[in-house]
PDB file of N, CA and C in Angstrom:
ATOM      1  N   ILE A   1     -10.749 -33.843 -10.202  1.00  0.00           N
ATOM      2  CA  ILE A   1     -10.200 -32.589  -9.712  1.00  0.00           C
ATOM      3  C   ILE A   1      -9.667 -32.839  -8.306  1.00  0.00           C
ATOM      4  N   LEU A   2      -8.390 -32.573  -8.131  1.00  0.00           N
ATOM      5  CA  LEU A   2      -7.764 -32.740  -6.826  1.00  0.00           C
ATOM      6  C   LEU A   2      -7.909 -31.437  -6.045  1.00  0.00           C
ATOM      7  N   LYS A   3      -8.531 -31.523  -4.880  1.00  0.00           N
ATOM      8  CA  LYS A   3      -8.736 -30.339  -4.041  1.00  0.00           C
ATOM      9  C   LYS A   3      -7.667 -30.308  -2.959  1.00  0.00           C
ATOM     10  N   ILE A   4      -6.995 -29.164  -2.867  1.00  0.00           N
ATOM     11  CA  ILE A   4      -5.896 -28.983  -1.923  1.00  0.00           C
ATOM     12  C   ILE A   4      -6.196 -27.749  -1.085  1.00  0.00           C
ATOM     13  N   GLU A   5      -6.011 -27.863   0.219  1.00  0.00           N
ATOM     14  CA  GLU A   5      -6.197 -26.710   1.107  1.00  0.00           C
ATOM     15  C   GLU A   5      -4.873 -26.407   1.783  1.00  0.00           C
ATOM     16  N   ILE A   6      -4.454 -25.152   1.695  1.00  0.00           N
ATOM     17  CA  ILE A   6      -3.234 -24.721   2.371  1.00  0.00           C
ATOM     18  C   ILE A   6      -3.615 -24.299   3.793  1.00  0.00           C
ATOM     19  N   PHE A   7      -2.940 -24.869   4.773  1.00  0.00           N
ATOM     20  CA  PHE A   7      -3.240 -24.567   6.171  1.00  0.00           C
ATOM     21  C   PHE A   7      -2.695 -23.209   6.584  1.00  0.00           C
ATOM     22  N   GLU A   8      -3.387 -22.590   7.512  1.00  0.00           N
ATOM     23  CA  GLU A   8      -2.960 -21.302   8.077  1.00  0.00           C
ATOM     24  C   GLU A   8      -1.537 -21.417   8.614  1.00  0.00           C
ATOM     25  N   GLY A   9      -0.689 -20.484   8.203  1.00  0.00           N
ATOM     26  CA  GLY A   9       0.677 -20.439   8.706  1.00  0.00           C
ATOM     27  C   GLY A   9       1.622 -21.461   8.108  1.00  0.00           C
ATOM     28  N   ALA A  10       1.194 -22.174   7.069  1.00  0.00           N
ATOM     29  CA  ALA A  10       2.068 -23.159   6.442  1.00  0.00           C
ATOM     30  C   ALA A  10       3.345 -22.473   5.965  1.00  0.00           C
ATOM     31  N   GLU A  11       4.472 -23.138   6.172  1.00  0.00           N
ATOM     32  CA  GLU A  11       5.757 -22.625   5.712  1.00  0.00           C
ATOM     33  C   GLU A  11       6.264 -23.568   4.632  1.00  0.00           C
ATOM     34  N   MET A  12       6.188 -23.109   3.407  1.00  0.00           N
ATOM     35  CA  MET A  12       6.535 -23.959   2.286  1.00  0.00           C
ATOM     36  C   MET A  12       7.957 -23.689   1.806  1.00  0.00           C
ATOM     37  N   THR A  13       8.707 -24.763   1.725  1.00  0.00           N
ATOM     38  CA  THR A  13      10.067 -24.730   1.195  1.00  0.00           C
ATOM     39  C   THR A  13      10.127 -25.759   0.072  1.00  0.00           C
ATOM     40  N   ALA A  14      11.226 -25.774  -0.647  1.00  0.00           N
ATOM     41  CA  ALA A  14      11.372 -26.785  -1.697  1.00  0.00           C
ATOM     42  C   ALA A  14      11.258 -28.184  -1.088  1.00  0.00           C
ATOM     43  N   GLU A  15      11.854 -28.368   0.084  1.00  0.00           N
ATOM     44  CA  GLU A  15      11.819 -29.681   0.730  1.00  0.00           C
ATOM     45  C   GLU A  15      10.394 -30.103   1.092  1.00  0.00           C
ATOM     46  N   SER A  16       9.632 -29.210   1.713  1.00  0.00           N
ATOM     47  CA  SER A  16       8.265 -29.569   2.098  1.00  0.00           C
ATOM     48  C   SER A  16       7.374 -29.738   0.873  1.00  0.00           C
ATOM     49  N   LEU A  17       7.595 -28.932  -0.155  1.00  0.00           N
ATOM     50  CA  LEU A  17       6.794 -29.065  -1.376  1.00  0.00           C
ATOM     51  C   LEU A  17       7.130 -30.342  -2.136  1.00  0.00           C
ATOM     52  N   GLU A  18       8.356 -30.793  -2.033  1.00  0.00           N
ATOM     53  CA  GLU A  18       8.718 -32.065  -2.665  1.00  0.00           C
ATOM     54  C   GLU A  18       7.970 -33.223  -2.005  1.00  0.00           C
ATOM     55  N   LYS A  19       7.866 -33.196  -0.682  1.00  0.00           N
ATOM     56  CA  LYS A  19       7.087 -34.216   0.036  1.00  0.00           C
ATOM     57  C   LYS A  19       5.615 -34.141  -0.374  1.00  0.00           C
ATOM     58  N   HIS A  20       5.111 -32.944  -0.470  1.00  0.00           N
ATOM     59  CA  HIS A  20       3.731 -32.713  -0.892  1.00  0.00           C
ATOM     60  C   HIS A  20       3.511 -33.275  -2.298  1.00  0.00           C
ATOM     61  N   HIS A  21       4.454 -33.004  -3.197  1.00  0.00           N
ATOM     62  CA  HIS A  21       4.349 -33.491  -4.575  1.00  0.00           C
ATOM     63  C   HIS A  21       4.345 -35.022  -4.626  1.00  0.00           C
ATOM     64  N   LYS A  22       5.177 -35.656  -3.825  1.00  0.00           N
ATOM     65  CA  LYS A  22       5.217 -37.122  -3.798  1.00  0.00           C
ATOM     66  C   LYS A  22       3.890 -37.697  -3.309  1.00  0.00           C
ATOM     67  N   ALA A  23       3.262 -37.025  -2.340  1.00  0.00           N
ATOM     68  CA  ALA A  23       1.950 -37.461  -1.862  1.00  0.00           C
ATOM     69  C   ALA A  23       0.907 -37.333  -2.978  1.00  0.00           C
ATOM     70  N   ILE A  24       0.973 -36.248  -3.732  1.00  0.00           N
ATOM     71  CA  ILE A  24       0.042 -36.061  -4.859  1.00  0.00           C
ATOM     72  C   ILE A  24       0.260 -37.145  -5.908  1.00  0.00           C
ATOM     73  N   GLU A  25       1.509 -37.479  -6.189  1.00  0.00           N
ATOM     74  CA  GLU A  25       1.786 -38.539  -7.164  1.00  0.00           C
ATOM     75  C   GLU A  25       1.153 -39.863  -6.738  1.00  0.00           C
ATOM     76  N   LYS A  26       1.190 -40.160  -5.446  1.00  0.00           N
ATOM     77  CA  LYS A  26       0.561 -41.395  -4.952  1.00  0.00           C
ATOM     78  C   LYS A  26      -0.950 -41.335  -5.123  1.00  0.00           C
ATOM     79  N   ILE A  27      -1.543 -40.191  -4.761  1.00  0.00           N
ATOM     80  CA  ILE A  27      -2.996 -40.036  -4.856  1.00  0.00           C
ATOM     81  C   ILE A  27      -3.467 -40.143  -6.301  1.00  0.00           C
ATOM     82  N   THR A  28      -2.748 -39.492  -7.212  1.00  0.00           N
ATOM     83  CA  THR A  28      -3.165 -39.453  -8.622  1.00  0.00           C
ATOM     84  C   THR A  28      -2.596 -40.614  -9.437  1.00  0.00           C
ATOM     85  N   LYS A  29      -1.746 -41.411  -8.796  1.00  0.00           N
ATOM     86  CA  LYS A  29      -1.088 -42.537  -9.473  1.00  0.00           C
ATOM     87  C   LYS A  29      -0.302 -42.070 -10.697  1.00  0.00           C
ATOM     88  N   GLY A  30       0.242 -40.857 -10.597  1.00  0.00           N
ATOM     89  CA  GLY A  30       1.073 -40.312 -11.670  1.00  0.00           C
ATOM     90  C   GLY A  30       0.310 -39.848 -12.897  1.00  0.00           C
ATOM     91  N   LYS A  31      -1.017 -39.871 -12.831  1.00  0.00           N
ATOM     92  CA  LYS A  31      -1.822 -39.446 -13.983  1.00  0.00           C
ATOM     93  C   LYS A  31      -2.017 -37.927 -13.960  1.00  0.00           C
ATOM     94  N   LYS A  32      -2.344 -37.378 -15.110  1.00  0.00           N
ATOM     95  CA  LYS A  32      -2.592 -35.936 -15.207  1.00  0.00           C
ATOM     96  C   LYS A  32      -3.853 -35.581 -14.423  1.00  0.00           C
ATOM     97  N   TYR A  33      -3.821 -34.403 -13.821  1.00  0.00           N
ATOM     98  CA  TYR A  33      -4.953 -34.002 -12.977  1.00  0.00           C
ATOM     99  C   TYR A  33      -5.157 -32.488 -13.024  1.00  0.00           C
ATOM    100  N   LEU A  34      -6.348 -32.087 -12.601  1.00  0.00           N
ATOM    101  CA  LEU A  34      -6.701 -30.684 -12.428  1.00  0.00           C
ATOM    102  C   LEU A  34      -6.601 -30.387 -10.941  1.00  0.00           C
ATOM    103  N   ALA A  35      -6.100 -29.198 -10.584  1.00  0.00           N
ATOM    104  CA  ALA A  35      -5.929 -28.853  -9.171  1.00  0.00           C
ATOM    105  C   ALA A  35      -6.765 -27.644  -8.789  1.00  0.00           C
ATOM    106  N   LEU A  36      -7.504 -27.788  -7.715  1.00  0.00           N
ATOM    107  CA  LEU A  36      -8.226 -26.680  -7.089  1.00  0.00           C
ATOM    108  C   LEU A  36      -7.532 -26.439  -5.757  1.00  0.00           C
ATOM    109  N   ILE A  37      -6.876 -25.288  -5.633  1.00  0.00           N
ATOM    110  CA  ILE A  37      -6.094 -25.011  -4.437  1.00  0.00           C
ATOM    111  C   ILE A  37      -6.739 -23.863  -3.668  1.00  0.00           C
ATOM    112  N   ASP A  38      -7.187 -24.186  -2.456  1.00  0.00           N
ATOM    113  CA  ASP A  38      -7.808 -23.200  -1.582  1.00  0.00           C
ATOM    114  C   ASP A  38      -6.698 -22.494  -0.812  1.00  0.00           C
ATOM    115  N   VAL A  39      -6.494 -21.235  -1.143  1.00  0.00           N
ATOM    116  CA  VAL A  39      -5.435 -20.455  -0.501  1.00  0.00           C
ATOM    117  C   VAL A  39      -6.030 -19.330   0.354  1.00  0.00           C
ATOM    118  N   THR A  40      -7.159 -19.640   0.984  1.00  0.00           N
ATOM    119  CA  THR A  40      -7.817 -18.678   1.864  1.00  0.00           C
ATOM    120  C   THR A  40      -6.910 -18.294   3.029  1.00  0.00           C
ATOM    121  N   ASN A  41      -6.187 -19.270   3.566  1.00  0.00           N
ATOM    122  CA  ASN A  41      -5.323 -19.042   4.722  1.00  0.00           C
ATOM    123  C   ASN A  41      -3.978 -18.457   4.296  1.00  0.00           C
ATOM    124  N   LEU A  42      -3.447 -17.583   5.136  1.00  0.00           N
ATOM    125  CA  LEU A  42      -2.119 -17.020   4.877  1.00  0.00           C
ATOM    126  C   LEU A  42      -1.062 -18.093   5.067  1.00  0.00           C
ATOM    127  N   TYR A  43      -0.078 -18.099   4.192  1.00  0.00           N
ATOM    128  CA  TYR A  43       1.037 -19.031   4.270  1.00  0.00           C
ATOM    129  C   TYR A  43       2.294 -18.290   3.834  1.00  0.00           C
ATOM    130  N   SER A  44       3.434 -18.901   4.054  1.00  0.00           N
ATOM    131  CA  SER A  44       4.678 -18.332   3.541  1.00  0.00           C
ATOM    132  C   SER A  44       5.325 -19.366   2.633  1.00  0.00           C
ATOM    133  N   ILE A  45       6.014 -18.867   1.631  1.00  0.00           N
ATOM    134  CA  ILE A  45       6.724 -19.751   0.714  1.00  0.00           C
ATOM    135  C   ILE A  45       8.083 -19.131   0.426  1.00  0.00           C
ATOM    136  N   SER A  46       9.115 -19.933   0.562  1.00  0.00           N
ATOM    137  CA  SER A  46      10.476 -19.454   0.330  1.00  0.00           C
ATOM    138  C   SER A  46      10.729 -19.337  -1.172  1.00  0.00           C
ATOM    139  N   MET A  47      11.794 -18.642  -1.522  1.00  0.00           N
ATOM    140  CA  MET A  47      12.134 -18.492  -2.934  1.00  0.00           C
ATOM    141  C   MET A  47      12.424 -19.856  -3.563  1.00  0.00           C
ATOM    142  N   ASP A  48      13.111 -20.732  -2.832  1.00  0.00           N
ATOM    143  CA  ASP A  48      13.366 -22.064  -3.386  1.00  0.00           C
ATOM    144  C   ASP A  48      12.058 -22.846  -3.517  1.00  0.00           C
ATOM    145  N   GLY A  49      11.096 -22.570  -2.641  1.00  0.00           N
ATOM    146  CA  GLY A  49       9.778 -23.190  -2.760  1.00  0.00           C
ATOM    147  C   GLY A  49       9.044 -22.728  -4.008  1.00  0.00           C
ATOM    148  N   LEU A  50       9.123 -21.429  -4.299  1.00  0.00           N
ATOM    149  CA  LEU A  50       8.504 -20.898  -5.523  1.00  0.00           C
ATOM    150  C   LEU A  50       9.148 -21.510  -6.762  1.00  0.00           C
ATOM    151  N   GLU A  51      10.462 -21.625  -6.734  1.00  0.00           N
ATOM    152  CA  GLU A  51      11.168 -22.213  -7.885  1.00  0.00           C
ATOM    153  C   GLU A  51      10.771 -23.679  -8.069  1.00  0.00           C
ATOM    154  N   TYR A  52      10.679 -24.410  -6.960  1.00  0.00           N
ATOM    155  CA  TYR A  52      10.267 -25.808  -7.057  1.00  0.00           C
ATOM    156  C   TYR A  52       8.836 -25.916  -7.576  1.00  0.00           C
ATOM    157  N   ALA A  53       7.949 -25.040  -7.105  1.00  0.00           N
ATOM    158  CA  ALA A  53       6.547 -25.054  -7.542  1.00  0.00           C
ATOM    159  C   ALA A  53       6.419 -24.802  -9.041  1.00  0.00           C
ATOM    160  N   ALA A  54       7.403 -24.129  -9.636  1.00  0.00           N
ATOM    161  CA  ALA A  54       7.376 -23.834 -11.069  1.00  0.00           C
ATOM    162  C   ALA A  54       8.180 -24.848 -11.890  1.00  0.00           C
ATOM    163  N   SER A  55       8.693 -25.875 -11.251  1.00  0.00           N
ATOM    164  CA  SER A  55       9.563 -26.828 -11.934  1.00  0.00           C
ATOM    165  C   SER A  55       8.773 -27.821 -12.800  1.00  0.00           C
ATOM    166  N   PRO A  56       9.426 -28.314 -13.856  1.00  0.00           N
ATOM    167  CA  PRO A  56       8.777 -29.324 -14.712  1.00  0.00           C
ATOM    168  C   PRO A  56       8.338 -30.560 -13.929  1.00  0.00           C
ATOM    169  N   GLU A  57       9.102 -30.938 -12.912  1.00  0.00           N
ATOM    170  CA  GLU A  57       8.758 -32.104 -12.100  1.00  0.00           C
ATOM    171  C   GLU A  57       7.362 -31.953 -11.495  1.00  0.00           C
ATOM    172  N   VAL A  58       7.047 -30.779 -10.997  1.00  0.00           N
ATOM    173  CA  VAL A  58       5.757 -30.530 -10.364  1.00  0.00           C
ATOM    174  C   VAL A  58       4.659 -30.357 -11.402  1.00  0.00           C
ATOM    175  N   LEU A  59       4.986 -29.695 -12.498  1.00  0.00           N
ATOM    176  CA  LEU A  59       3.962 -29.298 -13.462  1.00  0.00           C
ATOM    177  C   LEU A  59       3.647 -30.335 -14.531  1.00  0.00           C
ATOM    178  N   GLU A  60       4.483 -31.356 -14.683  1.00  0.00           N
ATOM    179  CA  GLU A  60       4.308 -32.284 -15.798  1.00  0.00           C
ATOM    180  C   GLU A  60       2.979 -33.047 -15.773  1.00  0.00           C
ATOM    181  N   THR A  61       2.378 -33.213 -14.607  1.00  0.00           N
ATOM    182  CA  THR A  61       1.105 -33.942 -14.560  1.00  0.00           C
ATOM    183  C   THR A  61      -0.094 -33.035 -14.270  1.00  0.00           C
ATOM    184  N   ARG A  62       0.128 -31.748 -14.125  1.00  0.00           N
ATOM    185  CA  ARG A  62      -0.986 -30.813 -13.902  1.00  0.00           C
ATOM    186  C   ARG A  62      -1.513 -30.303 -15.234  1.00  0.00           C
ATOM    187  N   LEU A  63      -2.819 -30.424 -15.413  1.00  0.00           N
ATOM    188  CA  LEU A  63      -3.456 -29.901 -16.625  1.00  0.00           C
ATOM    189  C   LEU A  63      -3.811 -28.428 -16.476  1.00  0.00           C
ATOM    190  N   ALA A  64      -4.266 -28.051 -15.281  1.00  0.00           N
ATOM    191  CA  ALA A  64      -4.632 -26.668 -14.988  1.00  0.00           C
ATOM    192  C   ALA A  64      -4.734 -26.522 -13.477  1.00  0.00           C
ATOM    193  N   VAL A  65      -4.540 -25.282 -13.001  1.00  0.00           N
ATOM    194  CA  VAL A  65      -4.582 -25.002 -11.571  1.00  0.00           C
ATOM    195  C   VAL A  65      -5.466 -23.781 -11.327  1.00  0.00           C
ATOM    196  N   ALA A  66      -6.419 -23.938 -10.424  1.00  0.00           N
ATOM    197  CA  ALA A  66      -7.283 -22.820 -10.023  1.00  0.00           C
ATOM    198  C   ALA A  66      -7.052 -22.554  -8.544  1.00  0.00           C
ATOM    199  N   TYR A  67      -6.694 -21.322  -8.237  1.00  0.00           N
ATOM    200  CA  TYR A  67      -6.516 -20.892  -6.852  1.00  0.00           C
ATOM    201  C   TYR A  67      -7.760 -20.122  -6.457  1.00  0.00           C
ATOM    202  N   CYS A  68      -8.274 -20.379  -5.260  1.00  0.00           N
ATOM    203  CA  CYS A  68      -9.476 -19.658  -4.852  1.00  0.00           C
ATOM    204  C   CYS A  68      -9.298 -18.945  -3.528  1.00  0.00           C
ATOM    205  N   SER A  69      -9.924 -17.782  -3.462  1.00  0.00           N
ATOM    206  CA  SER A  69     -10.044 -16.954  -2.257  1.00  0.00           C
ATOM    207  C   SER A  69      -8.729 -16.492  -1.643  1.00  0.00           C
ATOM    208  N   PRO A  70      -7.764 -16.073  -2.456  1.00  0.00           N
ATOM    209  CA  PRO A  70      -6.488 -15.693  -1.834  1.00  0.00           C
ATOM    210  C   PRO A  70      -6.481 -14.278  -1.270  1.00  0.00           C
ATOM    211  N   PRO A  71      -5.885 -14.114  -0.064  1.00  0.00           N
ATOM    212  CA  PRO A  71      -5.607 -12.764   0.399  1.00  0.00           C
ATOM    213  C   PRO A  71      -4.476 -12.181  -0.460  1.00  0.00           C
ATOM    214  N   LEU A  72      -4.242 -10.902  -0.362  1.00  0.00           N
ATOM    215  CA  LEU A  72      -3.275 -10.226  -1.232  1.00  0.00           C
ATOM    216  C   LEU A  72      -1.893 -10.863  -1.209  1.00  0.00           C
ATOM    217  N   ALA A  73      -1.371 -11.198  -0.047  1.00  0.00           N
ATOM    218  CA  ALA A  73      -0.027 -11.777   0.034  1.00  0.00           C
ATOM    219  C   ALA A  73       0.058 -13.079  -0.760  1.00  0.00           C
ATOM    220  N   ASN A  74      -0.953 -13.918  -0.662  1.00  0.00           N
ATOM    221  CA  ASN A  74      -0.964 -15.176  -1.412  1.00  0.00           C
ATOM    222  C   ASN A  74      -1.113 -14.910  -2.910  1.00  0.00           C
ATOM    223  N   ARG A  75      -1.921 -13.911  -3.255  1.00  0.00           N
ATOM    224  CA  ARG A  75      -2.125 -13.548  -4.655  1.00  0.00           C
ATOM    225  C   ARG A  75      -0.792 -13.150  -5.310  1.00  0.00           C
ATOM    226  N   LEU A  76       0.071 -12.472  -4.554  1.00  0.00           N
ATOM    227  CA  LEU A  76       1.376 -12.072  -5.086  1.00  0.00           C
ATOM    228  C   LEU A  76       2.233 -13.292  -5.416  1.00  0.00           C
ATOM    229  N   ASN A  77       2.214 -14.305  -4.558  1.00  0.00           N
ATOM    230  CA  ASN A  77       2.961 -15.542  -4.830  1.00  0.00           C
ATOM    231  C   ASN A  77       2.453 -16.227  -6.097  1.00  0.00           C
ATOM    232  N   ILE A  78       1.146 -16.285  -6.231  1.00  0.00           N
ATOM    233  CA  ILE A  78       0.538 -16.941  -7.400  1.00  0.00           C
ATOM    234  C   ILE A  78       0.870 -16.161  -8.669  1.00  0.00           C
ATOM    235  N   ASN A  79       0.776 -14.841  -8.598  1.00  0.00           N
ATOM    236  CA  ASN A  79       1.102 -14.023  -9.768  1.00  0.00           C
ATOM    237  C   ASN A  79       2.573 -14.138 -10.155  1.00  0.00           C
ATOM    238  N   TYR A  80       3.441 -14.348  -9.186  1.00  0.00           N
ATOM    239  CA  TYR A  80       4.857 -14.572  -9.485  1.00  0.00           C
ATOM    240  C   TYR A  80       4.994 -15.795 -10.399  1.00  0.00           C
ATOM    241  N   LEU A  81       4.307 -16.879 -10.032  1.00  0.00           N
ATOM    242  CA  LEU A  81       4.369 -18.094 -10.851  1.00  0.00           C
ATOM    243  C   LEU A  81       3.781 -17.859 -12.236  1.00  0.00           C
ATOM    244  N   LYS A  82       2.674 -17.169 -12.275  1.00  0.00           N
ATOM    245  CA  LYS A  82       1.936 -16.967 -13.524  1.00  0.00           C
ATOM    246  C   LYS A  82       2.620 -15.961 -14.454  1.00  0.00           C
ATOM    247  N   VAL A  83       3.039 -14.837 -13.917  1.00  0.00           N
ATOM    248  CA  VAL A  83       3.544 -13.741 -14.747  1.00  0.00           C
ATOM    249  C   VAL A  83       5.062 -13.771 -14.905  1.00  0.00           C
ATOM    250  N   ILE A  84       5.781 -13.932 -13.817  1.00  0.00           N
ATOM    251  CA  ILE A  84       7.248 -13.883 -13.868  1.00  0.00           C
ATOM    252  C   ILE A  84       7.827 -15.206 -14.359  1.00  0.00           C
ATOM    253  N   ARG A  85       7.412 -16.308 -13.743  1.00  0.00           N
ATOM    254  CA  ARG A  85       7.934 -17.628 -14.139  1.00  0.00           C
ATOM    255  C   ARG A  85       7.252 -18.187 -15.375  1.00  0.00           C
ATOM    256  N   LYS A  86       6.094 -17.644 -15.720  1.00  0.00           N
ATOM    257  CA  LYS A  86       5.343 -18.061 -16.919  1.00  0.00           C
ATOM    258  C   LYS A  86       5.225 -19.590 -17.005  1.00  0.00           C
ATOM    259  N   VAL A  87       4.681 -20.174 -15.942  1.00  0.00           N
ATOM    260  CA  VAL A  87       4.525 -21.628 -15.934  1.00  0.00           C
ATOM    261  C   VAL A  87       3.666 -22.063 -17.124  1.00  0.00           C
ATOM    262  N   PRO A  88       3.989 -23.202 -17.725  1.00  0.00           N
ATOM    263  CA  PRO A  88       3.307 -23.641 -18.942  1.00  0.00           C
ATOM    264  C   PRO A  88       1.958 -24.321 -18.712  1.00  0.00           C
ATOM    265  N   VAL A  89       1.423 -24.185 -17.521  1.00  0.00           N
ATOM    266  CA  VAL A  89       0.140 -24.802 -17.177  1.00  0.00           C
ATOM    267  C   VAL A  89      -0.874 -23.682 -16.971  1.00  0.00           C
ATOM    268  N   PRO A  90      -2.067 -23.807 -17.549  1.00  0.00           N
ATOM    269  CA  PRO A  90      -3.072 -22.778 -17.306  1.00  0.00           C
ATOM    270  C   PRO A  90      -3.333 -22.629 -15.812  1.00  0.00           C
ATOM    271  N   MET A  91      -3.320 -21.392 -15.333  1.00  0.00           N
ATOM    272  CA  MET A  91      -3.627 -21.133 -13.926  1.00  0.00           C
ATOM    273  C   MET A  91      -4.327 -19.800 -13.823  1.00  0.00           C
ATOM    274  N   ASP A  92      -5.217 -19.728 -12.839  1.00  0.00           N
ATOM    275  CA  ASP A  92      -5.925 -18.482 -12.621  1.00  0.00           C
ATOM    276  C   ASP A  92      -6.354 -18.398 -11.163  1.00  0.00           C
ATOM    277  N   ILE A  93      -6.785 -17.198 -10.776  1.00  0.00           N
ATOM    278  CA  ILE A  93      -7.194 -16.915  -9.411  1.00  0.00           C
ATOM    279  C   ILE A  93      -8.674 -16.555  -9.427  1.00  0.00           C
ATOM    280  N   PHE A  94      -9.426 -17.126  -8.466  1.00  0.00           N
ATOM    281  CA  PHE A  94     -10.867 -16.918  -8.412  1.00  0.00           C
ATOM    282  C   PHE A  94     -11.304 -16.520  -7.011  1.00  0.00           C
ATOM    283  N   ALA A  95     -12.369 -15.742  -6.951  1.00  0.00           N
ATOM    284  CA  ALA A  95     -12.906 -15.281  -5.667  1.00  0.00           C
ATOM    285  C   ALA A  95     -13.600 -16.400  -4.898  1.00  0.00           C
ATOM    286  N   THR A  96     -14.165 -17.376  -5.615  1.00  0.00           N
ATOM    287  CA  THR A  96     -14.895 -18.463  -4.958  1.00  0.00           C
ATOM    288  C   THR A  96     -14.495 -19.823  -5.530  1.00  0.00           C
ATOM    289  N   LYS A  97     -14.754 -20.872  -4.750  1.00  0.00           N
ATOM    290  CA  LYS A  97     -14.497 -22.232  -5.223  1.00  0.00           C
ATOM    291  C   LYS A  97     -15.392 -22.570  -6.407  1.00  0.00           C
ATOM    292  N   GLU A  98     -16.618 -22.092  -6.378  1.00  0.00           N
ATOM    293  CA  GLU A  98     -17.563 -22.391  -7.453  1.00  0.00           C
ATOM    294  C   GLU A  98     -17.053 -21.864  -8.799  1.00  0.00           C
ATOM    295  N   LEU A  99     -16.559 -20.630  -8.819  1.00  0.00           N
ATOM    296  CA  LEU A  99     -16.010 -20.070 -10.061  1.00  0.00           C
ATOM    297  C   LEU A  99     -14.772 -20.838 -10.502  1.00  0.00           C
ATOM    298  N   ALA A 100     -13.940 -21.214  -9.536  1.00  0.00           N
ATOM    299  CA  ALA A 100     -12.735 -21.982  -9.853  1.00  0.00           C
ATOM    300  C   ALA A 100     -13.094 -23.342 -10.453  1.00  0.00           C
ATOM    301  N   LEU A 101     -14.069 -24.013  -9.862  1.00  0.00           N
ATOM    302  CA  LEU A 101     -14.495 -25.317 -10.376  1.00  0.00           C
ATOM    303  C   LEU A 101     -15.086 -25.209 -11.779  1.00  0.00           C
ATOM    304  N   ASP A 102     -15.884 -24.179 -12.025  1.00  0.00           N
ATOM    305  CA  ASP A 102     -16.445 -23.974 -13.361  1.00  0.00           C
ATOM    306  C   ASP A 102     -15.330 -23.847 -14.391  1.00  0.00           C
ATOM    307  N   TRP A 103     -14.290 -23.091 -14.059  1.00  0.00           N
ATOM    308  CA  TRP A 103     -13.164 -22.891 -14.965  1.00  0.00           C
ATOM    309  C   TRP A 103     -12.408 -24.203 -15.182  1.00  0.00           C
ATOM    310  N   LEU A 104     -12.169 -24.949 -14.107  1.00  0.00           N
ATOM    311  CA  LEU A 104     -11.437 -26.213 -14.225  1.00  0.00           C
ATOM    312  C   LEU A 104     -12.193 -27.227 -15.073  1.00  0.00           C
ATOM    313  N   ARG A 105     -13.497 -27.229 -14.973  1.00  0.00           N
ATOM    314  CA  ARG A 105     -14.296 -28.199 -15.749  1.00  0.00           C
ATOM    315  C   ARG A 105     -14.107 -28.019 -17.249  1.00  0.00           C
ATOM    316  N   GLU A 106     -13.715 -26.840 -17.669  1.00  0.00           N
ATOM    317  CA  GLU A 106     -13.453 -26.600 -19.089  1.00  0.00           C
ATOM    318  C   GLU A 106     -12.255 -27.414 -19.575  1.00  0.00           C
ATOM    319  N   PHE A 107     -11.398 -27.859 -18.656  1.00  0.00           N
ATOM    320  CA  PHE A 107     -10.182 -28.600 -19.016  1.00  0.00           C
ATOM    321  C   PHE A 107     -10.346 -30.115 -18.888  1.00  0.00           C
ATOM    322  N   LYS A 108     -11.502 -30.577 -18.446  1.00  0.00           N
ATOM    323  CA  LYS A 108     -11.683 -32.023 -18.202  1.00  0.00           C
ATOM    324  C   LYS A 108     -11.412 -32.874 -19.436  1.00  0.00           C
ATOM    325  N   ASN A 109     -11.726 -32.392 -20.613  1.00  0.00           N
ATOM    326  CA  ASN A 109     -11.514 -33.166 -21.838  1.00  0.00           C
ATOM    327  C   ASN A 109     -10.048 -33.325 -22.192  1.00  0.00           C
ATOM    328  N   LEU A 110      -9.162 -32.567 -21.535  1.00  0.00           N
ATOM    329  CA  LEU A 110      -7.747 -32.672 -21.817  1.00  0.00           C
ATOM    330  C   LEU A 110      -7.084 -33.844 -21.095  1.00  0.00           C
ATOM    331  N   LYS A 111      -7.781 -34.430 -20.117  1.00  0.00           N
ATOM    332  CA  LYS A 111      -7.178 -35.519 -19.350  1.00  0.00           C
ATOM    333  C   LYS A 111      -6.816 -36.683 -20.254  1.00  0.00           C
ATOM    334  N   GLU A 112      -5.667 -37.251 -19.962  1.00  0.00           N
ATOM    335  CA  GLU A 112      -5.211 -38.402 -20.747  1.00  0.00           C
ATOM    336  C   GLU A 112      -5.447 -39.689 -19.981  1.00  0.00           C
TER     337      GLU A 112
END
């Protein structure tokens, strides 16, 4: 399970998310992974950033994504991906990291 923390005030664009994605590819060696994303801190994401986050390039190696502890503004961004963009990867929002981890562990057998 890859744990990711979004920093307070992060400004995410397609360009910055592409760099982030390349770093994840190095860490995971291109293998499929589960993501636990701590979105406790407020951040901003541009429309092109949201589109990039929903792209096949980003999602092809993610098995499932759990977001934990989001404030309302962050929850709206996540719901955009989940409901409007209908990303093909299981994703959900959790109040705590523990609940998010429990949910992600259900997907461990899917790893290739």
